[in-house]
mmCIF file of all heavy atoms, coordinates in Angstrom:
data_MODEL
# 
_entry.id   MODEL 
# 
loop_
_atom_site.group_PDB 
_atom_site.id 
_atom_site.type_symbol 
_atom_site.label_atom_id 
_atom_site.label_alt_id 
_atom_site.label_comp_id 
_atom_site.label_asym_id 
_atom_site.label_entity_id 
_atom_site.label_seq_id 
_atom_site.pdbx_PDB_ins_code 
_atom_site.Cartn_x 
_atom_site.Cartn_y 
_atom_site.Cartn_z 
_atom_site.occupancy 
_atom_site.B_iso_or_equiv 
_atom_site.pdbx_formal_charge 
_atom_site.auth_seq_id 
_atom_site.auth_comp_id 
_atom_site.auth_asym_id 
_atom_site.auth_atom_id 
_atom_site.pdbx_PDB_model_num 
ATOM 1   N N   . SER A 1 1  ? -13.138 7.257   3.580   1.00 0.00 ? 1  SER A N   1 
ATOM 2   C CA  . SER A 1 1  ? -13.832 8.254   4.359   1.00 0.00 ? 1  SER A CA  1 
ATOM 3   C C   . SER A 1 1  ? -13.045 8.834   5.488   1.00 0.00 ? 1  SER A C   1 
ATOM 4   O O   . SER A 1 1  ? -13.302 10.013  5.913   1.00 0.00 ? 1  SER A O   1 
ATOM 5   C CB  . SER A 1 1  ? -15.103 7.649   4.919   1.00 0.00 ? 1  SER A CB  1 
ATOM 6   O OG  . SER A 1 1  ? -14.795 6.649   5.908   1.00 0.00 ? 1  SER A OG  1 
ATOM 7   N N   . THR A 1 2  ? -11.975 8.269   5.937   1.00 0.00 ? 2  THR A N   1 
ATOM 8   C CA  . THR A 1 2  ? -11.149 8.790   6.930   1.00 0.00 ? 2  THR A CA  1 
ATOM 9   C C   . THR A 1 2  ? -9.965  9.597   6.429   1.00 0.00 ? 2  THR A C   1 
ATOM 10  O O   . THR A 1 2  ? -9.193  10.149  7.257   1.00 0.00 ? 2  THR A O   1 
ATOM 11  C CB  . THR A 1 2  ? -10.711 7.722   7.968   1.00 0.00 ? 2  THR A CB  1 
ATOM 12  O OG1 . THR A 1 2  ? -9.918  6.719   7.233   1.00 0.00 ? 2  THR A OG1 1 
ATOM 13  C CG2 . THR A 1 2  ? -11.886 7.055   8.637   1.00 0.00 ? 2  THR A CG2 1 
ATOM 14  N N   . ILE A 1 3  ? -9.801  9.530   5.177   1.00 0.00 ? 3  ILE A N   1 
ATOM 15  C CA  . ILE A 1 3  ? -8.660  10.180  4.463   1.00 0.00 ? 3  ILE A CA  1 
ATOM 16  C C   . ILE A 1 3  ? -8.963  11.623  4.173   1.00 0.00 ? 3  ILE A C   1 
ATOM 17  O O   . ILE A 1 3  ? -10.085 11.942  3.522   1.00 0.00 ? 3  ILE A O   1 
ATOM 18  C CB  . ILE A 1 3  ? -8.115  9.445   3.261   1.00 0.00 ? 3  ILE A CB  1 
ATOM 19  C CG1 . ILE A 1 3  ? -7.942  7.973   3.564   1.00 0.00 ? 3  ILE A CG1 1 
ATOM 20  C CG2 . ILE A 1 3  ? -6.958  10.132  2.609   1.00 0.00 ? 3  ILE A CG2 1 
ATOM 21  C CD1 . ILE A 1 3  ? -6.821  7.695   4.635   1.00 0.00 ? 3  ILE A CD1 1 
ATOM 22  N N   . GLU A 1 4  ? -8.172  12.595  4.498   1.00 0.00 ? 4  GLU A N   1 
ATOM 23  C CA  . GLU A 1 4  ? -8.362  13.987  4.189   1.00 0.00 ? 4  GLU A CA  1 
ATOM 24  C C   . GLU A 1 4  ? -8.427  14.237  2.700   1.00 0.00 ? 4  GLU A C   1 
ATOM 25  O O   . GLU A 1 4  ? -7.746  13.466  1.961   1.00 0.00 ? 4  GLU A O   1 
ATOM 26  C CB  . GLU A 1 4  ? -7.297  14.883  4.832   1.00 0.00 ? 4  GLU A CB  1 
ATOM 27  C CG  . GLU A 1 4  ? -7.317  14.907  6.372   1.00 0.00 ? 4  GLU A CG  1 
ATOM 28  C CD  . GLU A 1 4  ? -6.245  15.919  6.930   1.00 0.00 ? 4  GLU A CD  1 
ATOM 29  O OE1 . GLU A 1 4  ? -5.863  16.793  6.152   1.00 0.00 ? 4  GLU A OE1 1 
ATOM 30  O OE2 . GLU A 1 4  ? -5.909  15.686  8.044   1.00 0.00 ? 4  GLU A OE2 1 
ATOM 31  N N   . ARG A 1 5  ? -9.118  15.193  2.291   1.00 0.00 ? 5  ARG A N   1 
ATOM 32  C CA  . ARG A 1 5  ? -9.214  15.555  0.797   1.00 0.00 ? 5  ARG A CA  1 
ATOM 33  C C   . ARG A 1 5  ? -7.766  15.997  0.335   1.00 0.00 ? 5  ARG A C   1 
ATOM 34  O O   . ARG A 1 5  ? -7.051  16.534  1.123   1.00 0.00 ? 5  ARG A O   1 
ATOM 35  C CB  . ARG A 1 5  ? -10.129 16.692  0.569   1.00 0.00 ? 5  ARG A CB  1 
ATOM 36  C CG  . ARG A 1 5  ? -11.541 16.296  0.857   1.00 0.00 ? 5  ARG A CG  1 
ATOM 37  C CD  . ARG A 1 5  ? -12.455 17.537  0.533   1.00 0.00 ? 5  ARG A CD  1 
ATOM 38  N NE  . ARG A 1 5  ? -13.678 17.394  1.204   1.00 0.00 ? 5  ARG A NE  1 
ATOM 39  C CZ  . ARG A 1 5  ? -14.517 18.290  1.284   1.00 0.00 ? 5  ARG A CZ  1 
ATOM 40  N NH1 . ARG A 1 5  ? -14.402 19.507  0.816   1.00 0.00 ? 5  ARG A NH1 1 
ATOM 41  N NH2 . ARG A 1 5  ? -15.756 18.044  1.848   1.00 0.00 ? 5  ARG A NH2 1 
ATOM 42  N N   . GLY A 1 6  ? -7.463  15.706  -0.854  1.00 0.00 ? 6  GLY A N   1 
ATOM 43  C CA  . GLY A 1 6  ? -6.238  16.092  -1.501  1.00 0.00 ? 6  GLY A CA  1 
ATOM 44  C C   . GLY A 1 6  ? -5.475  14.883  -1.975  1.00 0.00 ? 6  GLY A C   1 
ATOM 45  O O   . GLY A 1 6  ? -5.983  13.817  -2.161  1.00 0.00 ? 6  GLY A O   1 
ATOM 46  N N   . PHE A 1 7  ? -4.169  15.034  -2.351  1.00 0.00 ? 7  PHE A N   1 
ATOM 47  C CA  . PHE A 1 7  ? -3.331  14.142  -2.998  1.00 0.00 ? 7  PHE A CA  1 
ATOM 48  C C   . PHE A 1 7  ? -2.713  13.226  -1.899  1.00 0.00 ? 7  PHE A C   1 
ATOM 49  O O   . PHE A 1 7  ? -2.348  13.687  -0.790  1.00 0.00 ? 7  PHE A O   1 
ATOM 50  C CB  . PHE A 1 7  ? -2.240  14.737  -3.800  1.00 0.00 ? 7  PHE A CB  1 
ATOM 51  C CG  . PHE A 1 7  ? -2.632  15.317  -5.037  1.00 0.00 ? 7  PHE A CG  1 
ATOM 52  C CD1 . PHE A 1 7  ? -2.874  16.712  -5.105  1.00 0.00 ? 7  PHE A CD1 1 
ATOM 53  C CD2 . PHE A 1 7  ? -2.836  14.560  -6.137  1.00 0.00 ? 7  PHE A CD2 1 
ATOM 54  C CE1 . PHE A 1 7  ? -3.385  17.257  -6.278  1.00 0.00 ? 7  PHE A CE1 1 
ATOM 55  C CE2 . PHE A 1 7  ? -3.402  15.107  -7.344  1.00 0.00 ? 7  PHE A CE2 1 
ATOM 56  C CZ  . PHE A 1 7  ? -3.606  16.473  -7.387  1.00 0.00 ? 7  PHE A CZ  1 
ATOM 57  N N   . HIS A 1 8  ? -2.680  11.888  -2.125  1.00 0.00 ? 8  HIS A N   1 
ATOM 58  C CA  . HIS A 1 8  ? -2.164  10.833  -1.182  1.00 0.00 ? 8  HIS A CA  1 
ATOM 59  C C   . HIS A 1 8  ? -1.532  9.815   -2.035  1.00 0.00 ? 8  HIS A C   1 
ATOM 60  O O   . HIS A 1 8  ? -1.682  9.745   -3.196  1.00 0.00 ? 8  HIS A O   1 
ATOM 61  C CB  . HIS A 1 8  ? -3.266  10.297  -0.323  1.00 0.00 ? 8  HIS A CB  1 
ATOM 62  C CG  . HIS A 1 8  ? -3.973  11.338  0.575   1.00 0.00 ? 8  HIS A CG  1 
ATOM 63  N ND1 . HIS A 1 8  ? -3.442  11.734  1.736   1.00 0.00 ? 8  HIS A ND1 1 
ATOM 64  C CD2 . HIS A 1 8  ? -5.076  12.015  0.338   1.00 0.00 ? 8  HIS A CD2 1 
ATOM 65  C CE1 . HIS A 1 8  ? -4.263  12.542  2.257   1.00 0.00 ? 8  HIS A CE1 1 
ATOM 66  N NE2 . HIS A 1 8  ? -5.148  12.854  1.504   1.00 0.00 ? 8  HIS A NE2 1 
ATOM 67  N N   . THR A 1 9  ? -0.925  8.947   -1.386  1.00 0.00 ? 9  THR A N   1 
ATOM 68  C CA  . THR A 1 9  ? -0.295  7.700   -1.969  1.00 0.00 ? 9  THR A CA  1 
ATOM 69  C C   . THR A 1 9  ? -0.808  6.454   -1.285  1.00 0.00 ? 9  THR A C   1 
ATOM 70  O O   . THR A 1 9  ? -0.683  6.375   -0.033  1.00 0.00 ? 9  THR A O   1 
ATOM 71  C CB  . THR A 1 9  ? 1.221   7.708   -2.015  1.00 0.00 ? 9  THR A CB  1 
ATOM 72  O OG1 . THR A 1 9  ? 1.653   8.948   -2.628  1.00 0.00 ? 9  THR A OG1 1 
ATOM 73  C CG2 . THR A 1 9  ? 1.780   6.545   -2.690  1.00 0.00 ? 9  THR A CG2 1 
ATOM 74  N N   . LEU A 1 10 ? -1.365  5.557   -2.004  1.00 0.00 ? 10 LEU A N   1 
ATOM 75  C CA  . LEU A 1 10 ? -1.840  4.233   -1.544  1.00 0.00 ? 10 LEU A CA  1 
ATOM 76  C C   . LEU A 1 10 ? -0.684  3.210   -1.609  1.00 0.00 ? 10 LEU A C   1 
ATOM 77  O O   . LEU A 1 10 ? -0.195  3.091   -2.687  1.00 0.00 ? 10 LEU A O   1 
ATOM 78  C CB  . LEU A 1 10 ? -3.133  3.804   -2.197  1.00 0.00 ? 10 LEU A CB  1 
ATOM 79  C CG  . LEU A 1 10 ? -3.589  2.302   -1.974  1.00 0.00 ? 10 LEU A CG  1 
ATOM 80  C CD1 . LEU A 1 10 ? -3.978  2.100   -0.567  1.00 0.00 ? 10 LEU A CD1 1 
ATOM 81  C CD2 . LEU A 1 10 ? -4.619  1.965   -2.946  1.00 0.00 ? 10 LEU A CD2 1 
ATOM 82  N N   . TYR A 1 11 ? -0.366  2.532   -0.611  1.00 0.00 ? 11 TYR A N   1 
ATOM 83  C CA  . TYR A 1 11 ? 0.660   1.519   -0.555  1.00 0.00 ? 11 TYR A CA  1 
ATOM 84  C C   . TYR A 1 11 ? 0.099   0.191   -0.258  1.00 0.00 ? 11 TYR A C   1 
ATOM 85  O O   . TYR A 1 11 ? -0.804  0.093   0.680   1.00 0.00 ? 11 TYR A O   1 
ATOM 86  C CB  . TYR A 1 11 ? 1.816   1.833   0.445   1.00 0.00 ? 11 TYR A CB  1 
ATOM 87  C CG  . TYR A 1 11 ? 2.499   3.090   0.137   1.00 0.00 ? 11 TYR A CG  1 
ATOM 88  C CD1 . TYR A 1 11 ? 2.134   4.375   0.723   1.00 0.00 ? 11 TYR A CD1 1 
ATOM 89  C CD2 . TYR A 1 11 ? 3.714   3.135   -0.692  1.00 0.00 ? 11 TYR A CD2 1 
ATOM 90  C CE1 . TYR A 1 11 ? 2.820   5.508   0.451   1.00 0.00 ? 11 TYR A CE1 1 
ATOM 91  C CE2 . TYR A 1 11 ? 4.286   4.247   -1.016  1.00 0.00 ? 11 TYR A CE2 1 
ATOM 92  C CZ  . TYR A 1 11 ? 3.920   5.464   -0.384  1.00 0.00 ? 11 TYR A CZ  1 
ATOM 93  O OH  . TYR A 1 11 ? 4.546   6.591   -0.664  1.00 0.00 ? 11 TYR A OH  1 
ATOM 94  N N   . ILE A 1 12 ? 0.461   -0.952  -0.891  1.00 0.00 ? 12 ILE A N   1 
ATOM 95  C CA  . ILE A 1 12 ? -0.054  -2.217  -0.544  1.00 0.00 ? 12 ILE A CA  1 
ATOM 96  C C   . ILE A 1 12 ? 1.173   -3.214  -0.648  1.00 0.00 ? 12 ILE A C   1 
ATOM 97  O O   . ILE A 1 12 ? 2.013   -3.063  -1.480  1.00 0.00 ? 12 ILE A O   1 
ATOM 98  C CB  . ILE A 1 12 ? -1.040  -2.736  -1.601  1.00 0.00 ? 12 ILE A CB  1 
ATOM 99  C CG1 . ILE A 1 12 ? -2.302  -1.805  -1.535  1.00 0.00 ? 12 ILE A CG1 1 
ATOM 100 C CG2 . ILE A 1 12 ? -1.466  -4.067  -1.441  1.00 0.00 ? 12 ILE A CG2 1 
ATOM 101 C CD1 . ILE A 1 12 ? -3.349  -2.137  -2.591  1.00 0.00 ? 12 ILE A CD1 1 
ATOM 102 N N   . ARG A 1 13 ? 1.144   -4.128  0.323   1.00 0.00 ? 13 ARG A N   1 
ATOM 103 C CA  . ARG A 1 13 ? 2.179   -5.147  0.286   1.00 0.00 ? 13 ARG A CA  1 
ATOM 104 C C   . ARG A 1 13 ? 1.560   -6.451  0.769   1.00 0.00 ? 13 ARG A C   1 
ATOM 105 O O   . ARG A 1 13 ? 0.552   -6.548  1.409   1.00 0.00 ? 13 ARG A O   1 
ATOM 106 C CB  . ARG A 1 13 ? 3.400   -4.789  1.171   1.00 0.00 ? 13 ARG A CB  1 
ATOM 107 C CG  . ARG A 1 13 ? 3.095   -4.534  2.606   1.00 0.00 ? 13 ARG A CG  1 
ATOM 108 C CD  . ARG A 1 13 ? 4.334   -4.149  3.408   1.00 0.00 ? 13 ARG A CD  1 
ATOM 109 N NE  . ARG A 1 13 ? 3.979   -3.534  4.714   1.00 0.00 ? 13 ARG A NE  1 
ATOM 110 C CZ  . ARG A 1 13 ? 4.452   -2.454  5.228   1.00 0.00 ? 13 ARG A CZ  1 
ATOM 111 N NH1 . ARG A 1 13 ? 5.413   -1.794  4.499   1.00 0.00 ? 13 ARG A NH1 1 
ATOM 112 N NH2 . ARG A 1 13 ? 4.059   -1.959  6.294   1.00 0.00 ? 13 ARG A NH2 1 
ATOM 113 N N   . THR A 1 14 ? 2.211   -7.606  0.467   1.00 0.00 ? 14 THR A N   1 
ATOM 114 C CA  . THR A 1 14 ? 1.769   -8.947  0.834   1.00 0.00 ? 14 THR A CA  1 
ATOM 115 C C   . THR A 1 14 ? 2.916   -9.644  1.555   1.00 0.00 ? 14 THR A C   1 
ATOM 116 O O   . THR A 1 14 ? 4.116   -9.435  1.376   1.00 0.00 ? 14 THR A O   1 
ATOM 117 C CB  . THR A 1 14 ? 1.388   -9.715  -0.445  1.00 0.00 ? 14 THR A CB  1 
ATOM 118 O OG1 . THR A 1 14 ? 2.479   -9.947  -1.268  1.00 0.00 ? 14 THR A OG1 1 
ATOM 119 C CG2 . THR A 1 14 ? 0.292   -9.007  -1.160  1.00 0.00 ? 14 THR A CG2 1 
ATOM 120 N N   . LEU A 1 15 ? 2.416   -10.694 2.291   1.00 0.00 ? 15 LEU A N   1 
ATOM 121 C CA  . LEU A 1 15 ? 3.347   -11.609 2.979   1.00 0.00 ? 15 LEU A CA  1 
ATOM 122 C C   . LEU A 1 15 ? 3.006   -13.021 2.443   1.00 0.00 ? 15 LEU A C   1 
ATOM 123 O O   . LEU A 1 15 ? 1.774   -13.377 2.566   1.00 0.00 ? 15 LEU A O   1 
ATOM 124 C CB  . LEU A 1 15 ? 3.085   -11.467 4.456   1.00 0.00 ? 15 LEU A CB  1 
ATOM 125 C CG  . LEU A 1 15 ? 3.930   -12.384 5.437   1.00 0.00 ? 15 LEU A CG  1 
ATOM 126 C CD1 . LEU A 1 15 ? 5.431   -11.999 5.323   1.00 0.00 ? 15 LEU A CD1 1 
ATOM 127 C CD2 . LEU A 1 15 ? 3.480   -12.342 6.833   1.00 0.00 ? 15 LEU A CD2 1 
ATOM 128 N N   . ASN A 1 16 ? 3.972   -13.716 1.982   1.00 0.00 ? 16 ASN A N   1 
ATOM 129 C CA  . ASN A 1 16 ? 3.613   -15.091 1.526   1.00 0.00 ? 16 ASN A CA  1 
ATOM 130 C C   . ASN A 1 16 ? 3.730   -16.202 2.634   1.00 0.00 ? 16 ASN A C   1 
ATOM 131 O O   . ASN A 1 16 ? 4.125   -15.785 3.753   1.00 0.00 ? 16 ASN A O   1 
ATOM 132 C CB  . ASN A 1 16 ? 4.511   -15.432 0.316   1.00 0.00 ? 16 ASN A CB  1 
ATOM 133 C CG  . ASN A 1 16 ? 5.983   -15.651 0.692   1.00 0.00 ? 16 ASN A CG  1 
ATOM 134 O OD1 . ASN A 1 16 ? 6.398   -15.755 1.890   1.00 0.00 ? 16 ASN A OD1 1 
ATOM 135 N ND2 . ASN A 1 16 ? 6.776   -15.553 -0.393  1.00 0.00 ? 16 ASN A ND2 1 
ATOM 136 N N   . LYS A 1 17 ? 3.387   -17.357 2.298   1.00 0.00 ? 17 LYS A N   1 
ATOM 137 C CA  . LYS A 1 17 ? 3.462   -18.460 3.199   1.00 0.00 ? 17 LYS A CA  1 
ATOM 138 C C   . LYS A 1 17 ? 4.812   -18.768 3.811   1.00 0.00 ? 17 LYS A C   1 
ATOM 139 O O   . LYS A 1 17 ? 4.964   -19.460 4.782   1.00 0.00 ? 17 LYS A O   1 
ATOM 140 C CB  . LYS A 1 17 ? 2.852   -19.679 2.668   1.00 0.00 ? 17 LYS A CB  1 
ATOM 141 C CG  . LYS A 1 17 ? 3.614   -20.313 1.450   1.00 0.00 ? 17 LYS A CG  1 
ATOM 142 C CD  . LYS A 1 17 ? 2.863   -21.615 1.023   1.00 0.00 ? 17 LYS A CD  1 
ATOM 143 C CE  . LYS A 1 17 ? 3.698   -22.264 -0.147  1.00 0.00 ? 17 LYS A CE  1 
ATOM 144 N NZ  . LYS A 1 17 ? 2.955   -23.403 -0.685  1.00 0.00 ? 17 LYS A NZ  1 
ATOM 145 N N   . TYR A 1 18 ? 5.885   -18.249 3.132   1.00 0.00 ? 18 TYR A N   1 
ATOM 146 C CA  . TYR A 1 18 ? 7.180   -18.488 3.566   1.00 0.00 ? 18 TYR A CA  1 
ATOM 147 C C   . TYR A 1 18 ? 7.732   -17.334 4.508   1.00 0.00 ? 18 TYR A C   1 
ATOM 148 O O   . TYR A 1 18 ? 8.979   -17.265 4.886   1.00 0.00 ? 18 TYR A O   1 
ATOM 149 C CB  . TYR A 1 18 ? 8.221   -18.669 2.382   1.00 0.00 ? 18 TYR A CB  1 
ATOM 150 C CG  . TYR A 1 18 ? 7.865   -19.680 1.464   1.00 0.00 ? 18 TYR A CG  1 
ATOM 151 C CD1 . TYR A 1 18 ? 7.279   -19.515 0.207   1.00 0.00 ? 18 TYR A CD1 1 
ATOM 152 C CD2 . TYR A 1 18 ? 7.787   -21.030 1.857   1.00 0.00 ? 18 TYR A CD2 1 
ATOM 153 C CE1 . TYR A 1 18 ? 6.849   -20.414 -0.633  1.00 0.00 ? 18 TYR A CE1 1 
ATOM 154 C CE2 . TYR A 1 18 ? 7.404   -22.148 0.986   1.00 0.00 ? 18 TYR A CE2 1 
ATOM 155 C CZ  . TYR A 1 18 ? 6.995   -21.767 -0.244  1.00 0.00 ? 18 TYR A CZ  1 
ATOM 156 O OH  . TYR A 1 18 ? 6.523   -22.726 -1.172  1.00 0.00 ? 18 TYR A OH  1 
ATOM 157 N N   . GLY A 1 19 ? 6.858   -16.390 4.841   1.00 0.00 ? 19 GLY A N   1 
ATOM 158 C CA  . GLY A 1 19 ? 7.265   -15.221 5.626   1.00 0.00 ? 19 GLY A CA  1 
ATOM 159 C C   . GLY A 1 19 ? 8.005   -14.188 4.943   1.00 0.00 ? 19 GLY A C   1 
ATOM 160 O O   . GLY A 1 19 ? 8.609   -13.427 5.616   1.00 0.00 ? 19 GLY A O   1 
ATOM 161 N N   . GLN A 1 20 ? 7.895   -14.130 3.632   1.00 0.00 ? 20 GLN A N   1 
ATOM 162 C CA  . GLN A 1 20 ? 8.629   -13.086 2.825   1.00 0.00 ? 20 GLN A CA  1 
ATOM 163 C C   . GLN A 1 20 ? 7.718   -12.035 2.429   1.00 0.00 ? 20 GLN A C   1 
ATOM 164 O O   . GLN A 1 20 ? 6.610   -12.293 1.848   1.00 0.00 ? 20 GLN A O   1 
ATOM 165 C CB  . GLN A 1 20 ? 9.217   -13.767 1.571   1.00 0.00 ? 20 GLN A CB  1 
ATOM 166 C CG  . GLN A 1 20 ? 10.258  -14.877 1.902   1.00 0.00 ? 20 GLN A CG  1 
ATOM 167 C CD  . GLN A 1 20 ? 10.620  -15.687 0.642   1.00 0.00 ? 20 GLN A CD  1 
ATOM 168 O OE1 . GLN A 1 20 ? 9.776   -16.005 -0.172  1.00 0.00 ? 20 GLN A OE1 1 
ATOM 169 N NE2 . GLN A 1 20 ? 11.860  -16.051 0.655   1.00 0.00 ? 20 GLN A NE2 1 
ATOM 170 N N   . TRP A 1 21 ? 8.034   -10.796 2.555   1.00 0.00 ? 21 TRP A N   1 
ATOM 171 C CA  . TRP A 1 21 ? 7.285   -9.627  2.202   1.00 0.00 ? 21 TRP A CA  1 
ATOM 172 C C   . TRP A 1 21 ? 7.520   -9.291  0.672   1.00 0.00 ? 21 TRP A C   1 
ATOM 173 O O   . TRP A 1 21 ? 8.636   -9.398  0.230   1.00 0.00 ? 21 TRP A O   1 
ATOM 174 C CB  . TRP A 1 21 ? 7.509   -8.413  3.017   1.00 0.00 ? 21 TRP A CB  1 
ATOM 175 C CG  . TRP A 1 21 ? 6.998   -8.532  4.448   1.00 0.00 ? 21 TRP A CG  1 
ATOM 176 C CD1 . TRP A 1 21 ? 7.637   -8.999  5.512   1.00 0.00 ? 21 TRP A CD1 1 
ATOM 177 C CD2 . TRP A 1 21 ? 5.713   -8.177  4.770   1.00 0.00 ? 21 TRP A CD2 1 
ATOM 178 N NE1 . TRP A 1 21 ? 6.784   -8.840  6.569   1.00 0.00 ? 21 TRP A NE1 1 
ATOM 179 C CE2 . TRP A 1 21 ? 5.609   -8.428  6.251   1.00 0.00 ? 21 TRP A CE2 1 
ATOM 180 C CE3 . TRP A 1 21 ? 4.543   -7.690  4.075   1.00 0.00 ? 21 TRP A CE3 1 
ATOM 181 C CZ2 . TRP A 1 21 ? 4.358   -8.218  6.882   1.00 0.00 ? 21 TRP A CZ2 1 
ATOM 182 C CZ3 . TRP A 1 21 ? 3.388   -7.572  4.776   1.00 0.00 ? 21 TRP A CZ3 1 
ATOM 183 C CH2 . TRP A 1 21 ? 3.294   -7.717  6.194   1.00 0.00 ? 21 TRP A CH2 1 
ATOM 184 N N   . SER A 1 22 ? 6.480   -8.951  -0.005  1.00 0.00 ? 22 SER A N   1 
ATOM 185 C CA  . SER A 1 22 ? 6.702   -8.471  -1.320  1.00 0.00 ? 22 SER A CA  1 
ATOM 186 C C   . SER A 1 22 ? 7.190   -7.104  -1.386  1.00 0.00 ? 22 SER A C   1 
ATOM 187 O O   . SER A 1 22 ? 7.372   -6.459  -0.403  1.00 0.00 ? 22 SER A O   1 
ATOM 188 C CB  . SER A 1 22 ? 5.219   -8.442  -2.087  1.00 0.00 ? 22 SER A CB  1 
ATOM 189 O OG  . SER A 1 22 ? 4.456   -7.340  -1.464  1.00 0.00 ? 22 SER A OG  1 
ATOM 190 N N   . SER A 1 23 ? 7.492   -6.569  -2.541  1.00 0.00 ? 23 SER A N   1 
ATOM 191 C CA  . SER A 1 23 ? 7.862   -5.196  -2.775  1.00 0.00 ? 23 SER A CA  1 
ATOM 192 C C   . SER A 1 23 ? 6.594   -4.374  -2.446  1.00 0.00 ? 23 SER A C   1 
ATOM 193 O O   . SER A 1 23 ? 5.505   -4.890  -2.645  1.00 0.00 ? 23 SER A O   1 
ATOM 194 C CB  . SER A 1 23 ? 8.261   -4.956  -4.239  1.00 0.00 ? 23 SER A CB  1 
ATOM 195 O OG  . SER A 1 23 ? 9.482   -5.584  -4.519  1.00 0.00 ? 23 SER A OG  1 
ATOM 196 N N   . VAL A 1 24 ? 6.695   -3.123  -1.959  1.00 0.00 ? 24 VAL A N   1 
ATOM 197 C CA  . VAL A 1 24 ? 5.620   -2.349  -1.738  1.00 0.00 ? 24 VAL A CA  1 
ATOM 198 C C   . VAL A 1 24 ? 5.104   -1.688  -3.111  1.00 0.00 ? 24 VAL A C   1 
ATOM 199 O O   . VAL A 1 24 ? 5.948   -1.083  -3.759  1.00 0.00 ? 24 VAL A O   1 
ATOM 200 C CB  . VAL A 1 24 ? 5.853   -1.196  -0.800  1.00 0.00 ? 24 VAL A CB  1 
ATOM 201 C CG1 . VAL A 1 24 ? 4.701   -0.302  -0.520  1.00 0.00 ? 24 VAL A CG1 1 
ATOM 202 C CG2 . VAL A 1 24 ? 6.337   -1.838  0.583   1.00 0.00 ? 24 VAL A CG2 1 
ATOM 203 N N   . MET A 1 25 ? 3.830   -1.930  -3.432  1.00 0.00 ? 25 MET A N   1 
ATOM 204 C CA  . MET A 1 25 ? 3.234   -1.333  -4.667  1.00 0.00 ? 25 MET A CA  1 
ATOM 205 C C   . MET A 1 25 ? 2.646   0.089   -4.147  1.00 0.00 ? 25 MET A C   1 
ATOM 206 O O   . MET A 1 25 ? 2.006   0.101   -3.110  1.00 0.00 ? 25 MET A O   1 
ATOM 207 C CB  . MET A 1 25 ? 2.188   -2.214  -5.161  1.00 0.00 ? 25 MET A CB  1 
ATOM 208 C CG  . MET A 1 25 ? 2.637   -3.614  -5.564  1.00 0.00 ? 25 MET A CG  1 
ATOM 209 S SD  . MET A 1 25 ? 3.678   -3.549  -7.067  1.00 0.00 ? 25 MET A SD  1 
ATOM 210 C CE  . MET A 1 25 ? 2.565   -3.068  -8.270  1.00 0.00 ? 25 MET A CE  1 
ATOM 211 N N   . SER A 1 26 ? 2.824   0.980   -4.980  1.00 0.00 ? 26 SER A N   1 
ATOM 212 C CA  . SER A 1 26 ? 2.218   2.354   -4.622  1.00 0.00 ? 26 SER A CA  1 
ATOM 213 C C   . SER A 1 26 ? 1.449   2.923   -5.821  1.00 0.00 ? 26 SER A C   1 
ATOM 214 O O   . SER A 1 26 ? 1.880   2.717   -6.952  1.00 0.00 ? 26 SER A O   1 
ATOM 215 C CB  . SER A 1 26 ? 3.389   3.302   -4.156  1.00 0.00 ? 26 SER A CB  1 
ATOM 216 O OG  . SER A 1 26 ? 4.280   3.572   -5.199  1.00 0.00 ? 26 SER A OG  1 
ATOM 217 N N   . ARG A 1 27 ? 0.412   3.648   -5.520  1.00 0.00 ? 27 ARG A N   1 
ATOM 218 C CA  . ARG A 1 27 ? -0.314  4.407   -6.500  1.00 0.00 ? 27 ARG A CA  1 
ATOM 219 C C   . ARG A 1 27 ? -0.762  5.753   -5.981  1.00 0.00 ? 27 ARG A C   1 
ATOM 220 O O   . ARG A 1 27 ? -1.285  5.690   -4.833  1.00 0.00 ? 27 ARG A O   1 
ATOM 221 C CB  . ARG A 1 27 ? -1.568  3.573   -6.926  1.00 0.00 ? 27 ARG A CB  1 
ATOM 222 C CG  . ARG A 1 27 ? -1.337  2.272   -7.684  1.00 0.00 ? 27 ARG A CG  1 
ATOM 223 C CD  . ARG A 1 27 ? -0.739  2.588   -8.987  1.00 0.00 ? 27 ARG A CD  1 
ATOM 224 N NE  . ARG A 1 27 ? -0.603  1.374   -9.810  1.00 0.00 ? 27 ARG A NE  1 
ATOM 225 C CZ  . ARG A 1 27 ? 0.386   0.529   -9.815  1.00 0.00 ? 27 ARG A CZ  1 
ATOM 226 N NH1 . ARG A 1 27 ? 1.501   0.847   -9.116  1.00 0.00 ? 27 ARG A NH1 1 
ATOM 227 N NH2 . ARG A 1 27 ? 0.440   -0.556  -10.561 1.00 0.00 ? 27 ARG A NH2 1 
ATOM 228 N N   . PRO A 1 28 ? -0.601  6.780   -6.644  1.00 0.00 ? 28 PRO A N   1 
ATOM 229 C CA  . PRO A 1 28 ? -0.986  8.102   -6.217  1.00 0.00 ? 28 PRO A CA  1 
ATOM 230 C C   . PRO A 1 28 ? -2.537  8.195   -6.380  1.00 0.00 ? 28 PRO A C   1 
ATOM 231 O O   . PRO A 1 28 ? -3.066  7.457   -7.197  1.00 0.00 ? 28 PRO A O   1 
ATOM 232 C CB  . PRO A 1 28 ? -0.342  9.111   -7.126  1.00 0.00 ? 28 PRO A CB  1 
ATOM 233 C CG  . PRO A 1 28 ? -0.021  8.318   -8.356  1.00 0.00 ? 28 PRO A CG  1 
ATOM 234 C CD  . PRO A 1 28 ? 0.162   6.870   -8.002  1.00 0.00 ? 28 PRO A CD  1 
ATOM 235 N N   . LEU A 1 29 ? -3.181  8.852   -5.554  1.00 0.00 ? 29 LEU A N   1 
ATOM 236 C CA  . LEU A 1 29 ? -4.584  9.094   -5.646  1.00 0.00 ? 29 LEU A CA  1 
ATOM 237 C C   . LEU A 1 29 ? -4.979  10.483  -5.169  1.00 0.00 ? 29 LEU A C   1 
ATOM 238 O O   . LEU A 1 29 ? -4.225  11.143  -4.416  1.00 0.00 ? 29 LEU A O   1 
ATOM 239 C CB  . LEU A 1 29 ? -5.424  7.998   -4.976  1.00 0.00 ? 29 LEU A CB  1 
ATOM 240 C CG  . LEU A 1 29 ? -5.288  7.875   -3.446  1.00 0.00 ? 29 LEU A CG  1 
ATOM 241 C CD1 . LEU A 1 29 ? -6.476  8.511   -2.834  1.00 0.00 ? 29 LEU A CD1 1 
ATOM 242 C CD2 . LEU A 1 29 ? -5.216  6.410   -3.169  1.00 0.00 ? 29 LEU A CD2 1 
# 
């Protein structure tokens, strides 16, 4: 609801119990 209309990219990343970040996953929307 706070995102303006139009094309955007959603990015998601995780942090594991060892303090390591995952690769960033992206999906256009």
